[in-house]
Amino acid sequence: MSTTITPQGQIFGRAEGATFIPEMWSTEIFRYRMEQLILAKYVKRIAFNGGVGDYVRMPKISRLGVNNKLPKSPVTYQAVTEGKWDMRVDTYREASFMIEDILEIQSNVNLRAEYTRELGHAMARDIDNLILGMRAAFVNVNVGGSSHINVSTPLSDAEILTAIELMDIRRIPRQGRVLIVSPSQHADLIASASKFVQSEFIGDADNRPMLSGVVGQVYGVPVVVTDNMTVNGTNNFSNGDQDIAPGPSPGMTGSMYYPTQFDITAPASLPVGKWTAMLTTPDALAMAMVKMPSVETDRDIDYQATKVVTTQIYGIKPYREDGCILISTQ
């Protein structure tokens, strides 16, 4: 016959300890994530409250014309049948880890602080990588000229001028334009672009190029460099340091960072073996963040370990299809 033993006193569990860990971790992860978000600063942000799979719907506003006003005659009212722009908010990401008690006890490193920082960085890389993956949505766009400048030489003045000219032809506002390049293309600019001026000579709005990503200007356009932009490949992209085989880089078919939504032009893979920069504007891509990174912790009594999970929910889609010019170089 078994005897039931009722524990005495109070149990210190998740509810009692909630103020010690989750909120603090959430705050730190959010801070580290914001420090590392570079490309998200250059897309259109849409305020949205909803859940996974919900839609963001916005009307498309057409340009109106101007008519002659004739004496003693009424004005000519204009009526345009407007369309709408839809975006699914269905990108649901997680980053997580579990630390056994013995490791945390015996380690001379503050594991909580180190992994908290890395969770924030992982969430930031995820968003920047999807923005880079969206380059594939512009490969086949042709409005007044192809949106993809593809050459077999290093990045130079010629490609940049062609991209700027095409934006002017499309009447894309000059304000807000930015050239996003890889570290390799940044080196090309320093070596060969005659009009490139490094940020140490012109200064930066925040005087923090490492955080803003802005490294200079070329023909009046701010230049942003990100080391998340790798050479395009089918098996050279590592999602963190997980012990798994590398996969396709962002913007390549089969990558987890490849466009799944478009309105007019279907996406296409970036050219293999090349670096693909983007001259873009804030209206080229739109992003809705439904769930900021949040943290949940739990105890696993079987493993005698602490489990930590952070998640975020968002959506990214082309908003103005003619608002981005790609430049693929060697």
Protein backbone atom coordinates (compact mmCIF):
# COMPACT_ATOMS: atom_id res chain seq x y z
CA MET A 1 0.00 0.00 0.00
CA SER A 2 1.48 3.31 -1.04
CA THR A 3 1.58 6.34 1.17
CA THR A 4 0.93 9.79 -0.21
CA ILE A 5 3.31 12.41 1.11
CA THR A 6 2.19 16.02 0.92
CA PRO A 7 5.06 18.51 0.62
CA GLN A 8 5.21 21.13 3.33
CA GLY A 9 5.99 24.83 2.97
CA GLN A 10 6.16 26.91 -0.21
CA ILE A 11 7.45 25.88 -3.60
CA PHE A 12 9.63 28.36 -5.52
CA GLY A 13 8.51 27.84 -9.12
CA ARG A 14 8.14 29.75 -12.40
CA ALA A 15 5.44 32.04 -11.05
CA GLU A 16 7.52 33.09 -8.06
CA GLY A 17 10.73 33.44 -10.05
CA ALA A 18 9.22 35.10 -13.10
CA THR A 19 10.45 38.56 -12.16
CA PHE A 20 14.05 37.35 -11.99
CA ILE A 21 14.56 35.99 -15.48
CA PRO A 22 12.05 36.28 -18.35
CA GLU A 23 11.48 40.04 -18.37
CA MET A 24 15.17 40.77 -17.97
CA TRP A 25 16.06 38.34 -20.72
CA SER A 26 13.39 39.75 -23.02
CA THR A 27 14.69 43.28 -22.49
CA GLU A 28 18.29 42.28 -23.15
CA ILE A 29 17.43 40.20 -26.20
CA PHE A 30 15.40 43.09 -27.63
CA ARG A 31 18.31 45.47 -27.00
CA TYR A 32 20.89 43.18 -28.60
CA ARG A 33 18.53 42.57 -31.53
CA MET A 34 18.03 46.28 -32.15
CA GLU A 35 21.78 46.88 -32.02
CA GLN A 36 22.32 44.36 -34.81
CA LEU A 37 19.37 45.24 -37.05
CA ILE A 38 20.90 47.08 -39.99
CA LEU A 39 18.82 46.42 -43.08
CA ALA A 40 15.44 46.69 -41.34
CA LYS A 41 16.11 50.43 -41.02
CA TYR A 42 15.76 50.76 -44.79
CA VAL A 43 12.34 49.15 -45.35
CA LYS A 44 8.83 50.50 -44.89
CA ARG A 45 7.53 49.63 -41.41
CA ILE A 46 3.80 48.98 -41.03
CA ALA A 47 2.12 49.08 -37.64
CA PHE A 48 0.01 45.95 -37.31
CA ASN A 49 -1.70 43.96 -34.58
CA GLY A 50 -2.63 40.43 -35.47
CA GLY A 51 -1.47 36.84 -35.48
CA VAL A 52 0.33 34.33 -37.67
CA GLY A 53 -1.34 34.09 -41.08
CA ASP A 54 -3.16 37.41 -40.74
CA TYR A 55 -3.12 39.84 -43.64
CA VAL A 56 -2.01 43.43 -43.88
CA ARG A 57 -4.19 45.21 -46.46
CA MET A 58 -3.46 48.67 -47.80
CA PRO A 59 -5.09 50.56 -50.69
CA LYS A 60 -2.94 51.51 -53.66
CA ILE A 61 -3.22 55.25 -54.27
CA SER A 62 -2.94 56.26 -57.93
CA ARG A 63 -1.46 59.54 -59.12
CA LEU A 64 -4.02 62.15 -60.14
CA GLY A 65 -3.79 64.35 -63.19
CA VAL A 66 -4.37 68.09 -63.66
CA ASN A 67 -7.12 69.50 -65.91
CA ASN A 68 -7.79 72.92 -67.36
CA LYS A 69 -10.39 74.91 -65.45
CA LEU A 70 -12.71 76.51 -67.98
CA PRO A 71 -14.58 79.72 -67.12
CA LYS A 72 -18.14 79.19 -65.91
CA SER A 73 -17.64 75.41 -66.03
CA PRO A 74 -17.42 72.87 -63.24
CA VAL A 75 -14.17 71.17 -62.34
CA THR A 76 -13.48 67.72 -63.78
CA TYR A 77 -13.65 65.18 -61.00
CA GLN A 78 -11.34 62.20 -61.33
CA ALA A 79 -12.25 58.66 -60.40
CA VAL A 80 -9.64 55.91 -60.39
CA THR A 81 -10.41 52.28 -59.71
CA GLU A 82 -7.90 51.54 -57.00
CA GLY A 83 -6.36 48.19 -56.22
CA LYS A 84 -5.02 46.95 -52.92
CA TRP A 85 -1.78 45.59 -51.54
CA ASP A 86 -1.92 42.48 -49.35
CA MET A 87 0.78 40.87 -47.25
CA ARG A 88 0.54 37.71 -45.19
CA VAL A 89 2.24 37.94 -41.82
CA ASP A 90 3.33 34.33 -41.54
CA THR A 91 7.07 34.25 -40.81
CA TYR A 92 7.30 32.59 -37.39
CA ARG A 93 10.84 32.11 -36.10
CA GLU A 94 12.37 30.68 -32.95
CA ALA A 95 15.81 30.41 -31.39
CA SER A 96 16.33 28.29 -28.31
CA PHE A 97 18.83 26.47 -26.13
CA MET A 98 19.01 24.30 -23.03
CA ILE A 99 21.80 24.44 -20.43
CA GLU A 100 22.38 21.59 -18.00
CA ASP A 101 22.91 22.61 -14.40
CA ILE A 102 26.34 21.02 -14.17
CA LEU A 103 27.59 23.06 -17.13
CA GLU A 104 26.28 26.30 -15.67
CA ILE A 105 27.75 25.53 -12.26
CA GLN A 106 31.19 24.52 -13.52
CA SER A 107 31.53 27.15 -16.25
CA ASN A 108 33.65 30.22 -15.57
CA VAL A 109 31.64 32.10 -18.22
CA ASN A 110 28.33 33.87 -17.60
CA LEU A 111 26.37 31.60 -19.91
CA ARG A 112 23.11 33.46 -19.42
CA ALA A 113 24.65 36.74 -20.58
CA GLU A 114 26.46 35.17 -23.53
CA TYR A 115 23.49 33.21 -24.84
CA THR A 116 21.12 36.12 -24.24
CA ARG A 117 23.31 38.26 -26.47
CA GLU A 118 23.44 35.54 -29.11
CA LEU A 119 19.64 35.09 -29.11
CA GLY A 120 19.29 38.79 -29.85
CA HIS A 121 21.86 38.58 -32.63
CA ALA A 122 20.13 35.51 -34.11
CA MET A 123 16.77 37.27 -34.23
CA ALA A 124 18.38 40.28 -35.95
CA ARG A 125 20.24 38.12 -38.48
CA ASP A 126 16.98 36.37 -39.31
CA ILE A 127 15.25 39.61 -40.31
CA ASP A 128 18.25 40.97 -42.21
CA ASN A 129 18.66 37.65 -44.03
CA LEU A 130 15.03 37.64 -45.15
CA ILE A 131 15.42 41.21 -46.42
CA LEU A 132 18.46 40.03 -48.40
CA GLY A 133 16.45 37.06 -49.63
CA MET A 134 13.83 39.45 -50.99
CA ARG A 135 16.38 40.58 -53.61
CA ALA A 136 15.14 37.62 -55.66
CA ALA A 137 11.78 39.37 -56.00
CA PHE A 138 13.38 42.10 -58.13
CA VAL A 139 15.49 39.98 -60.51
CA ASN A 140 12.90 39.88 -63.31
CA VAL A 141 11.32 43.31 -62.79
CA ASN A 142 11.51 45.51 -65.88
CA VAL A 143 10.12 49.04 -65.64
CA GLY A 144 11.87 51.40 -68.06
CA GLY A 145 14.76 48.93 -67.98
CA SER A 146 15.82 45.78 -66.16
CA SER A 147 16.07 45.98 -62.37
CA HIS A 148 19.01 43.57 -62.48
CA ILE A 149 22.40 44.87 -63.61
CA ASN A 150 24.53 41.74 -64.01
CA VAL A 151 28.23 42.12 -64.88
CA SER A 152 31.33 39.94 -64.68
CA THR A 153 33.56 42.67 -63.25
CA PRO A 154 34.00 44.24 -59.80
CA LEU A 155 31.57 46.95 -58.67
CA SER A 156 32.43 50.31 -60.26
CA ASP A 157 31.06 53.77 -61.05
CA ALA A 158 29.45 52.51 -64.26
CA GLU A 159 27.01 50.11 -62.59
CA ILE A 160 26.11 52.60 -59.86
CA LEU A 161 25.42 55.37 -62.40
CA THR A 162 23.26 53.01 -64.47
CA ALA A 163 21.23 52.10 -61.38
CA ILE A 164 20.83 55.75 -60.34
CA GLU A 165 19.76 56.72 -63.87
CA LEU A 166 17.13 53.97 -63.92
CA MET A 167 15.74 55.15 -60.60
CA ASP A 168 15.53 58.68 -61.99
CA ILE A 169 13.72 57.39 -65.09
CA ARG A 170 11.23 55.66 -62.81
CA ARG A 171 10.81 58.92 -60.89
CA ILE A 172 11.81 57.29 -57.61
CA PRO A 173 12.40 60.02 -54.98
CA ARG A 174 16.08 60.64 -54.29
CA GLN A 175 15.41 61.05 -50.61
CA GLY A 176 15.82 57.75 -48.80
CA ARG A 177 17.86 55.98 -51.47
CA VAL A 178 20.60 53.74 -50.09
CA LEU A 179 23.15 51.40 -51.68
CA ILE A 180 23.54 48.16 -49.70
CA VAL A 181 26.71 46.23 -50.53
CA SER A 182 28.73 43.24 -49.38
CA PRO A 183 32.16 43.63 -47.74
CA SER A 184 33.72 42.55 -51.05
CA GLN A 185 31.85 45.24 -52.98
CA HIS A 186 32.75 47.78 -50.31
CA ALA A 187 36.41 46.99 -51.02
CA ASP A 188 35.72 47.46 -54.74
CA LEU A 189 34.26 50.91 -54.04
CA ILE A 190 37.32 51.95 -52.07
CA ALA A 191 39.63 50.69 -54.80
CA SER A 192 37.91 51.90 -57.96
CA ALA A 193 34.83 54.10 -57.46
CA SER A 194 36.06 57.65 -58.02
CA LYS A 195 33.07 59.29 -56.31
CA PHE A 196 33.02 57.11 -53.18
CA VAL A 197 33.73 59.08 -50.00
CA GLN A 198 34.32 57.11 -46.82
CA SER A 199 32.40 58.00 -43.68
CA GLU A 200 35.50 59.07 -41.76
CA PHE A 201 35.79 61.96 -44.20
CA ILE A 202 32.13 62.99 -44.28
CA GLY A 203 30.99 61.95 -40.81
CA ASP A 204 27.91 59.92 -39.95
CA ALA A 205 24.60 61.09 -38.48
CA ASP A 206 25.22 59.01 -35.37
CA ASN A 207 29.02 58.83 -35.72
CA ARG A 208 28.51 55.10 -35.29
CA PRO A 209 29.08 53.39 -38.64
CA MET A 210 29.39 49.99 -36.97
CA LEU A 211 25.79 50.27 -35.75
CA SER A 212 24.23 52.16 -38.65
CA GLY A 213 26.09 50.22 -41.33
CA VAL A 214 26.75 53.46 -43.25
CA VAL A 215 30.36 53.50 -44.46
CA GLY A 216 30.25 56.44 -46.86
CA GLN A 217 28.53 57.99 -49.87
CA VAL A 218 28.73 57.58 -53.62
CA TYR A 219 27.11 60.15 -55.92
CA GLY A 220 25.25 61.45 -52.88
CA VAL A 221 23.78 58.03 -52.01
CA PRO A 222 24.60 56.58 -48.57
CA VAL A 223 26.47 53.27 -48.77
CA VAL A 224 25.64 50.56 -46.23
CA VAL A 225 27.76 47.43 -45.83
CA THR A 226 26.51 44.25 -44.19
CA ASP A 227 28.50 41.10 -43.60
CA ASN A 228 25.25 39.11 -43.79
CA MET A 229 25.45 39.54 -47.58
CA THR A 230 27.41 36.52 -48.77
CA VAL A 231 28.36 35.40 -52.25
CA ASN A 232 25.34 33.79 -53.94
CA GLY A 233 25.51 30.02 -53.73
CA THR A 234 23.50 26.82 -53.45
CA ASN A 235 25.38 25.28 -50.52
CA ASN A 236 27.44 27.98 -48.81
CA PHE A 237 25.03 29.47 -46.24
CA SER A 238 25.16 28.43 -42.59
CA ASN A 239 22.22 29.20 -40.34
CA GLY A 240 24.26 29.83 -37.21
CA ASP A 241 26.92 27.34 -36.15
CA GLN A 242 24.59 24.35 -36.05
CA ASP A 243 26.11 20.99 -36.90
CA ILE A 244 24.24 20.73 -40.20
CA ALA A 245 25.30 20.99 -43.83
CA PRO A 246 25.28 24.50 -45.36
CA GLY A 247 22.32 25.36 -47.58
CA PRO A 248 21.38 27.91 -50.25
CA SER A 249 22.20 31.53 -49.46
CA PRO A 250 19.44 34.17 -49.11
CA GLY A 251 17.79 34.86 -52.45
CA MET A 252 18.43 31.37 -53.85
CA THR A 253 15.72 28.81 -54.59
CA GLY A 254 15.41 26.37 -51.70
CA SER A 255 16.66 28.83 -49.10
CA MET A 256 14.56 29.54 -46.02
CA TYR A 257 15.18 33.16 -47.03
CA TYR A 258 13.41 33.28 -50.39
CA PRO A 259 10.33 35.34 -51.35
CA THR A 260 7.02 33.55 -50.88
CA GLN A 261 4.80 36.54 -51.73
CA PHE A 262 4.66 38.76 -54.82
CA ASP A 263 2.03 40.71 -56.76
CA ILE A 264 3.20 40.99 -60.38
CA THR A 265 6.64 39.58 -61.15
CA ALA A 266 7.64 36.13 -59.91
CA PRO A 267 10.96 35.88 -58.04
CA ALA A 268 14.07 34.24 -59.49
CA SER A 269 17.34 33.06 -57.98
CA LEU A 270 20.31 35.40 -57.83
CA PRO A 271 23.30 34.54 -60.07
CA VAL A 272 25.54 31.90 -58.50
CA GLY A 273 29.07 32.96 -57.61
CA LYS A 274 28.34 36.69 -57.60
CA TRP A 275 27.71 39.39 -55.02
CA THR A 276 24.38 41.18 -55.43
CA ALA A 277 24.14 44.73 -54.10
CA MET A 278 20.87 46.63 -53.96
CA LEU A 279 20.15 50.29 -54.63
CA THR A 280 16.88 50.57 -52.77
CA THR A 281 14.34 52.93 -51.24
CA PRO A 282 12.20 52.57 -48.10
CA ASP A 283 9.11 51.81 -50.22
CA ALA A 284 10.66 48.87 -52.09
CA LEU A 285 9.92 46.45 -49.24
CA ALA A 286 7.36 46.60 -46.46
CA MET A 287 7.62 44.84 -43.11
CA ALA A 288 5.04 44.23 -40.40
CA MET A 289 6.22 43.03 -36.99
CA VAL A 290 3.42 41.28 -35.13
CA LYS A 291 5.36 39.78 -32.26
CA MET A 292 8.58 41.28 -30.96
CA PRO A 293 11.10 38.79 -29.54
CA SER A 294 9.77 37.36 -26.30
CA VAL A 295 11.34 34.83 -23.97
CA GLU A 296 9.97 31.84 -22.12
CA THR A 297 11.99 29.74 -19.69
CA ASP A 298 11.23 26.39 -18.15
CA ARG A 299 12.86 23.67 -16.11
CA ASP A 300 13.42 20.20 -17.47
CA ILE A 301 13.60 17.91 -14.46
CA ASP A 302 14.57 14.88 -16.55
CA TYR A 303 17.69 16.59 -17.87
CA GLN A 304 18.17 18.87 -14.86
CA ALA A 305 18.51 21.81 -17.17
CA THR A 306 17.08 25.23 -17.96
CA LYS A 307 15.32 25.69 -21.31
CA VAL A 308 15.09 29.09 -22.98
CA VAL A 309 13.03 29.88 -26.10
CA THR A 310 12.59 33.19 -27.92
CA THR A 311 10.21 33.74 -30.85
CA GLN A 312 9.22 36.50 -33.26
CA ILE A 313 6.49 36.85 -35.91
CA TYR A 314 6.67 39.17 -38.90
CA GLY A 315 6.08 39.51 -42.62
CA ILE A 316 8.09 41.09 -45.47
CA LYS A 317 6.95 41.63 -49.05
CA PRO A 318 7.76 43.92 -52.01
CA TYR A 319 5.69 47.08 -51.70
CA ARG A 320 6.92 49.14 -54.65
CA GLU A 321 8.24 46.72 -57.24
CA ASP A 322 10.20 49.35 -59.15
CA GLY A 323 11.88 50.69 -56.00
CA CYS A 324 14.96 48.45 -55.98
CA ILE A 325 17.79 47.96 -58.49
CA LEU A 326 20.09 44.94 -58.12
CA ILE A 327 23.78 45.04 -59.07
CA SER A 328 25.45 41.62 -59.38
CA THR A 329 29.25 41.69 -59.68
CA GLN A 330 32.25 39.40 -59.39
